[in-house]
Amino acid sequence: MTKTAKPTPNAPEALMLDIAKRHFFVETLDTWNSDGLDFHDVAVWSIRAALIEAYSAGLAAARR
């Protein structure tokens, strides 16, 4: 199984991974080209919470 190469994580990438880990319980956002590793069942309330957190982070970054 070959993993798609990703650039070195920067602040937005690290934040997205942190949100994904906490809300969706995934360990990586890398593509593995495997249904079992690339697709996850996620509750709509988890999606909503993650989107709210990401939006809030964007607002905070824009205000800086």
PDB file of N, CA and C in Angstrom:
ATOM      1  N   MET A   1       0.849  -1.157   0.000  1.00  0.00           N
ATOM      2  CA  MET A   1       0.000   0.000   0.000  1.00  0.00           C
ATOM      3  C   MET A   1       0.906   1.234   0.000  1.00  0.00           C
ATOM      4  N   THR A   2       0.725   2.144  -0.968  1.00  0.00           N
ATOM      5  CA  THR A   2       1.559   3.323  -1.101  1.00  0.00           C
ATOM      6  C   THR A   2       0.822   4.551  -0.599  1.00  0.00           C
ATOM      7  N   LYS A   3       1.476   5.296   0.246  1.00  0.00           N
ATOM      8  CA  LYS A   3       0.905   6.511   0.794  1.00  0.00           C
ATOM      9  C   LYS A   3       1.285   7.686  -0.100  1.00  0.00           C
ATOM     10  N   THR A   4       0.337   8.585  -0.396  1.00  0.00           N
ATOM     11  CA  THR A   4       0.613   9.773  -1.198  1.00  0.00           C
ATOM     12  C   THR A   4       1.486  10.724  -0.399  1.00  0.00           C
ATOM     13  N   ALA A   5       2.538  11.240  -1.027  1.00  0.00           N
ATOM     14  CA  ALA A   5       3.454  12.157  -0.354  1.00  0.00           C
ATOM     15  C   ALA A   5       2.738  13.463  -0.026  1.00  0.00           C
ATOM     16  N   LYS A   6       3.005  13.995   1.145  1.00  0.00           N
ATOM     17  CA  LYS A   6       2.428  15.260   1.583  1.00  0.00           C
ATOM     18  C   LYS A   6       3.548  16.223   1.919  1.00  0.00           C
ATOM     19  N   PRO A   7       3.307  17.521   1.731  1.00  0.00           N
ATOM     20  CA  PRO A   7       4.328  18.494   2.117  1.00  0.00           C
ATOM     21  C   PRO A   7       4.489  18.513   3.641  1.00  0.00           C
ATOM     22  N   THR A   8       5.571  19.102   4.101  1.00  0.00           N
ATOM     23  CA  THR A   8       5.793  19.242   5.534  1.00  0.00           C
ATOM     24  C   THR A   8       4.635  20.027   6.130  1.00  0.00           C
ATOM     25  N   PRO A   9       4.070  19.546   7.231  1.00  0.00           N
ATOM     26  CA  PRO A   9       2.919  20.235   7.808  1.00  0.00           C
ATOM     27  C   PRO A   9       3.244  21.670   8.208  1.00  0.00           C
ATOM     28  N   ASN A  10       2.344  22.591   7.853  1.00  0.00           N
ATOM     29  CA  ASN A  10       2.465  23.963   8.307  1.00  0.00           C
ATOM     30  C   ASN A  10       1.346  24.196   9.311  1.00  0.00           C
ATOM     31  N   ALA A  11       1.199  25.403   9.796  1.00  0.00           N
ATOM     32  CA  ALA A  11       0.211  25.673  10.842  1.00  0.00           C
ATOM     33  C   ALA A  11      -1.204  25.272  10.436  1.00  0.00           C
ATOM     34  N   PRO A  12      -1.708  25.673   9.241  1.00  0.00           N
ATOM     35  CA  PRO A  12      -3.070  25.251   8.887  1.00  0.00           C
ATOM     36  C   PRO A  12      -3.215  23.728   8.764  1.00  0.00           C
ATOM     37  N   GLU A  13      -2.224  23.057   8.192  1.00  0.00           N
ATOM     38  CA  GLU A  13      -2.270  21.595   8.070  1.00  0.00           C
ATOM     39  C   GLU A  13      -2.310  20.944   9.447  1.00  0.00           C
ATOM     40  N   ALA A  14      -1.477  21.441  10.348  1.00  0.00           N
ATOM     41  CA  ALA A  14      -1.432  20.878  11.698  1.00  0.00           C
ATOM     42  C   ALA A  14      -2.756  21.095  12.418  1.00  0.00           C
ATOM     43  N   LEU A  15      -3.366  22.265  12.227  1.00  0.00           N
ATOM     44  CA  LEU A  15      -4.656  22.546  12.848  1.00  0.00           C
ATOM     45  C   LEU A  15      -5.737  21.634  12.283  1.00  0.00           C
ATOM     46  N   MET A  16      -5.755  21.457  10.961  1.00  0.00           N
ATOM     47  CA  MET A  16      -6.748  20.566  10.348  1.00  0.00           C
ATOM     48  C   MET A  16      -6.599  19.138  10.865  1.00  0.00           C
ATOM     49  N   LEU A  17      -5.367  18.659  10.984  1.00  0.00           N
ATOM     50  CA  LEU A  17      -5.140  17.310  11.496  1.00  0.00           C
ATOM     51  C   LEU A  17      -5.594  17.204  12.949  1.00  0.00           C
ATOM     52  N   ASP A  18      -5.313  18.227  13.740  1.00  0.00           N
ATOM     53  CA  ASP A  18      -5.731  18.228  15.137  1.00  0.00           C
ATOM     54  C   ASP A  18      -7.258  18.160  15.248  1.00  0.00           C
ATOM     55  N   ILE A  19      -7.956  18.959  14.448  1.00  0.00           N
ATOM     56  CA  ILE A  19      -9.415  18.940  14.449  1.00  0.00           C
ATOM     57  C   ILE A  19      -9.928  17.564  14.010  1.00  0.00           C
ATOM     58  N   ALA A  20      -9.356  17.012  12.963  1.00  0.00           N
ATOM     59  CA  ALA A  20      -9.777  15.695  12.462  1.00  0.00           C
ATOM     60  C   ALA A  20      -9.553  14.600  13.506  1.00  0.00           C
ATOM     61  N   LYS A  21      -8.425  14.657  14.191  1.00  0.00           N
ATOM     62  CA  LYS A  21      -8.141  13.648  15.217  1.00  0.00           C
ATOM     63  C   LYS A  21      -9.150  13.719  16.349  1.00  0.00           C
ATOM     64  N   ARG A  22      -9.460  14.929  16.804  1.00  0.00           N
ATOM     65  CA  ARG A  22     -10.351  15.076  17.953  1.00  0.00           C
ATOM     66  C   ARG A  22     -11.822  14.840  17.620  1.00  0.00           C
ATOM     67  N   HIS A  23     -12.252  15.218  16.435  1.00  0.00           N
ATOM     68  CA  HIS A  23     -13.667  15.104  16.093  1.00  0.00           C
ATOM     69  C   HIS A  23     -14.008  13.823  15.322  1.00  0.00           C
ATOM     70  N   PHE A  24     -13.066  13.343  14.514  1.00  0.00           N
ATOM     71  CA  PHE A  24     -13.360  12.190  13.650  1.00  0.00           C
ATOM     72  C   PHE A  24     -12.559  10.952  14.019  1.00  0.00           C
ATOM     73  N   PHE A  25     -11.635  11.078  14.983  1.00  0.00           N
ATOM     74  CA  PHE A  25     -10.828   9.952  15.463  1.00  0.00           C
ATOM     75  C   PHE A  25     -10.030   9.293  14.334  1.00  0.00           C
ATOM     76  N   VAL A  26      -9.473  10.125  13.444  1.00  0.00           N
ATOM     77  CA  VAL A  26      -8.587   9.629  12.390  1.00  0.00           C
ATOM     78  C   VAL A  26      -7.158  10.002  12.771  1.00  0.00           C
ATOM     79  N   GLU A  27      -6.214   9.198  12.392  1.00  0.00           N
ATOM     80  CA  GLU A  27      -4.814   9.436  12.759  1.00  0.00           C
ATOM     81  C   GLU A  27      -4.054  10.236  11.710  1.00  0.00           C
ATOM     82  N   THR A  28      -4.565  10.286  10.490  1.00  0.00           N
ATOM     83  CA  THR A  28      -3.862  10.993   9.426  1.00  0.00           C
ATOM     84  C   THR A  28      -4.870  11.499   8.407  1.00  0.00           C
ATOM     85  N   LEU A  29      -4.499  12.544   7.696  1.00  0.00           N
ATOM     86  CA  LEU A  29      -5.300  13.039   6.580  1.00  0.00           C
ATOM     87  C   LEU A  29      -4.626  12.671   5.252  1.00  0.00           C
ATOM     88  N   ASP A  30      -3.626  11.815   5.320  1.00  0.00           N
ATOM     89  CA  ASP A  30      -2.947  11.352   4.116  1.00  0.00           C
ATOM     90  C   ASP A  30      -3.839  10.374   3.351  1.00  0.00           C
ATOM     91  N   THR A  31      -3.666  10.336   2.042  1.00  0.00           N
ATOM     92  CA  THR A  31      -4.383   9.385   1.191  1.00  0.00           C
ATOM     93  C   THR A  31      -3.604   8.089   1.142  1.00  0.00           C
ATOM     94  N   TRP A  32      -4.305   6.970   1.400  1.00  0.00           N
ATOM     95  CA  TRP A  32      -3.676   5.658   1.388  1.00  0.00           C
ATOM     96  C   TRP A  32      -4.135   4.812   0.211  1.00  0.00           C
ATOM     97  N   ASN A  33      -5.093   5.319  -0.584  1.00  0.00           N
ATOM     98  CA  ASN A  33      -5.648   4.568  -1.710  1.00  0.00           C
ATOM     99  C   ASN A  33      -6.219   3.221  -1.265  1.00  0.00           C
ATOM    100  N   SER A  34      -6.901   3.262  -0.127  1.00  0.00           N
ATOM    101  CA  SER A  34      -7.538   2.075   0.438  1.00  0.00           C
ATOM    102  C   SER A  34      -8.849   2.519   1.077  1.00  0.00           C
ATOM    103  N   ASP A  35      -9.955   1.931   0.647  1.00  0.00           N
ATOM    104  CA  ASP A  35     -11.252   2.324   1.198  1.00  0.00           C
ATOM    105  C   ASP A  35     -11.279   2.240   2.719  1.00  0.00           C
ATOM    106  N   GLY A  36     -10.696   1.201   3.256  1.00  0.00           N
ATOM    107  CA  GLY A  36     -10.707   1.018   4.701  1.00  0.00           C
ATOM    108  C   GLY A  36      -9.941   2.083   5.462  1.00  0.00           C
ATOM    109  N   LEU A  37      -8.981   2.711   4.822  1.00  0.00           N
ATOM    110  CA  LEU A  37      -8.176   3.744   5.472  1.00  0.00           C
ATOM    111  C   LEU A  37      -8.571   5.158   5.052  1.00  0.00           C
ATOM    112  N   ASP A  38      -9.172   5.311   3.890  1.00  0.00           N
ATOM    113  CA  ASP A  38      -9.483   6.644   3.362  1.00  0.00           C
ATOM    114  C   ASP A  38     -10.908   7.106   3.645  1.00  0.00           C
ATOM    115  N   PHE A  39     -11.814   6.184   3.963  1.00  0.00           N
ATOM    116  CA  PHE A  39     -13.208   6.544   4.206  1.00  0.00           C
ATOM    117  C   PHE A  39     -13.598   6.174   5.628  1.00  0.00           C
ATOM    118  N   HIS A  40     -14.349   7.079   6.272  1.00  0.00           N
ATOM    119  CA  HIS A  40     -14.736   6.881   7.671  1.00  0.00           C
ATOM    120  C   HIS A  40     -16.213   7.207   7.834  1.00  0.00           C
ATOM    121  N   ASP A  41     -16.905   6.470   8.701  1.00  0.00           N
ATOM    122  CA  ASP A  41     -18.268   6.819   9.090  1.00  0.00           C
ATOM    123  C   ASP A  41     -18.168   7.895  10.155  1.00  0.00           C
ATOM    124  N   VAL A  42     -18.832   9.022   9.909  1.00  0.00           N
ATOM    125  CA  VAL A  42     -18.741  10.159  10.828  1.00  0.00           C
ATOM    126  C   VAL A  42     -20.144  10.680  11.112  1.00  0.00           C
ATOM    127  N   ALA A  43     -20.438  10.920  12.362  1.00  0.00           N
ATOM    128  CA  ALA A  43     -21.739  11.460  12.750  1.00  0.00           C
ATOM    129  C   ALA A  43     -21.857  12.922  12.308  1.00  0.00           C
ATOM    130  N   VAL A  44     -23.055  13.329  11.936  1.00  0.00           N
ATOM    131  CA  VAL A  44     -23.257  14.707  11.465  1.00  0.00           C
ATOM    132  C   VAL A  44     -22.931  15.720  12.550  1.00  0.00           C
ATOM    133  N   TRP A  45     -23.152  15.395  13.819  1.00  0.00           N
ATOM    134  CA  TRP A  45     -22.823  16.342  14.869  1.00  0.00           C
ATOM    135  C   TRP A  45     -21.314  16.511  15.007  1.00  0.00           C
ATOM    136  N   SER A  46     -20.549  15.492  14.667  1.00  0.00           N
ATOM    137  CA  SER A  46     -19.088  15.624  14.667  1.00  0.00           C
ATOM    138  C   SER A  46     -18.629  16.520  13.521  1.00  0.00           C
ATOM    139  N   ILE A  47     -19.270  16.371  12.375  1.00  0.00           N
ATOM    140  CA  ILE A  47     -18.942  17.231  11.235  1.00  0.00           C
ATOM    141  C   ILE A  47     -19.258  18.680  11.591  1.00  0.00           C
ATOM    142  N   ARG A  48     -20.428  18.902  12.171  1.00  0.00           N
ATOM    143  CA  ARG A  48     -20.830  20.258  12.553  1.00  0.00           C
ATOM    144  C   ARG A  48     -19.831  20.863  13.545  1.00  0.00           C
ATOM    145  N   ALA A  49     -19.464  20.124  14.572  1.00  0.00           N
ATOM    146  CA  ALA A  49     -18.527  20.620  15.582  1.00  0.00           C
ATOM    147  C   ALA A  49     -17.170  20.951  14.960  1.00  0.00           C
ATOM    148  N   ALA A  50     -16.701  20.097  14.063  1.00  0.00           N
ATOM    149  CA  ALA A  50     -15.410  20.332  13.410  1.00  0.00           C
ATOM    150  C   ALA A  50     -15.472  21.567  12.520  1.00  0.00           C
ATOM    151  N   LEU A  51     -16.573  21.741  11.794  1.00  0.00           N
ATOM    152  CA  LEU A  51     -16.720  22.913  10.927  1.00  0.00           C
ATOM    153  C   LEU A  51     -16.790  24.198  11.740  1.00  0.00           C
ATOM    154  N   ILE A  52     -17.500  24.167  12.855  1.00  0.00           N
ATOM    155  CA  ILE A  52     -17.568  25.344  13.724  1.00  0.00           C
ATOM    156  C   ILE A  52     -16.181  25.689  14.258  1.00  0.00           C
ATOM    157  N   GLU A  53     -15.444  24.679  14.681  1.00  0.00           N
ATOM    158  CA  GLU A  53     -14.095  24.923  15.204  1.00  0.00           C
ATOM    159  C   GLU A  53     -13.170  25.472  14.119  1.00  0.00           C
ATOM    160  N   ALA A  54     -13.233  24.919  12.926  1.00  0.00           N
ATOM    161  CA  ALA A  54     -12.395  25.400  11.824  1.00  0.00           C
ATOM    162  C   ALA A  54     -12.764  26.830  11.438  1.00  0.00           C
ATOM    163  N   TYR A  55     -14.054  27.121  11.394  1.00  0.00           N
ATOM    164  CA  TYR A  55     -14.512  28.484  11.073  1.00  0.00           C
ATOM    165  C   TYR A  55     -14.017  29.471  12.133  1.00  0.00           C
ATOM    166  N   SER A  56     -14.146  29.104  13.402  1.00  0.00           N
ATOM    167  CA  SER A  56     -13.680  29.967  14.492  1.00  0.00           C
ATOM    168  C   SER A  56     -12.177  30.205  14.414  1.00  0.00           C
ATOM    169  N   ALA A  57     -11.435  29.166  14.064  1.00  0.00           N
ATOM    170  CA  ALA A  57      -9.978  29.318  13.911  1.00  0.00           C
ATOM    171  C   ALA A  57      -9.658  30.266  12.764  1.00  0.00           C
ATOM    172  N   GLY A  58     -10.411  30.179  11.675  1.00  0.00           N
ATOM    173  CA  GLY A  58     -10.205  31.096  10.554  1.00  0.00           C
ATOM    174  C   GLY A  58     -10.509  32.532  10.931  1.00  0.00           C
ATOM    175  N   LEU A  59     -11.593  32.747  11.656  1.00  0.00           N
ATOM    176  CA  LEU A  59     -11.916  34.095  12.110  1.00  0.00           C
ATOM    177  C   LEU A  59     -10.815  34.652  13.006  1.00  0.00           C
ATOM    178  N   ALA A  60     -10.335  33.831  13.936  1.00  0.00           N
ATOM    179  CA  ALA A  60      -9.268  34.269  14.844  1.00  0.00           C
ATOM    180  C   ALA A  60      -7.998  34.610  14.068  1.00  0.00           C
ATOM    181  N   ALA A  61      -7.672  33.817  13.057  1.00  0.00           N
ATOM    182  CA  ALA A  61      -6.471  34.081  12.255  1.00  0.00           C
ATOM    183  C   ALA A  61      -6.635  35.371  11.460  1.00  0.00           C
ATOM    184  N   ALA A  62      -7.830  35.627  10.950  1.00  0.00           N
ATOM    185  CA  ALA A  62      -8.062  36.845  10.170  1.00  0.00           C
ATOM    186  C   ALA A  62      -7.983  38.090  11.036  1.00  0.00           C
ATOM    187  N   ARG A  63      -8.307  37.972  12.294  1.00  0.00           N
ATOM    188  CA  ARG A  63      -8.278  39.123  13.213  1.00  0.00           C
ATOM    189  C   ARG A  63      -6.877  39.462  13.677  1.00  0.00           C
ATOM    190  N   ARG A  64      -5.943  38.522  13.518  1.00  0.00           N
ATOM    191  CA  ARG A  64      -4.554  38.779  13.946  1.00  0.00           C
ATOM    192  C   ARG A  64      -3.817  39.661  12.999  1.00  0.00           C
TER     193      ARG A  64
END
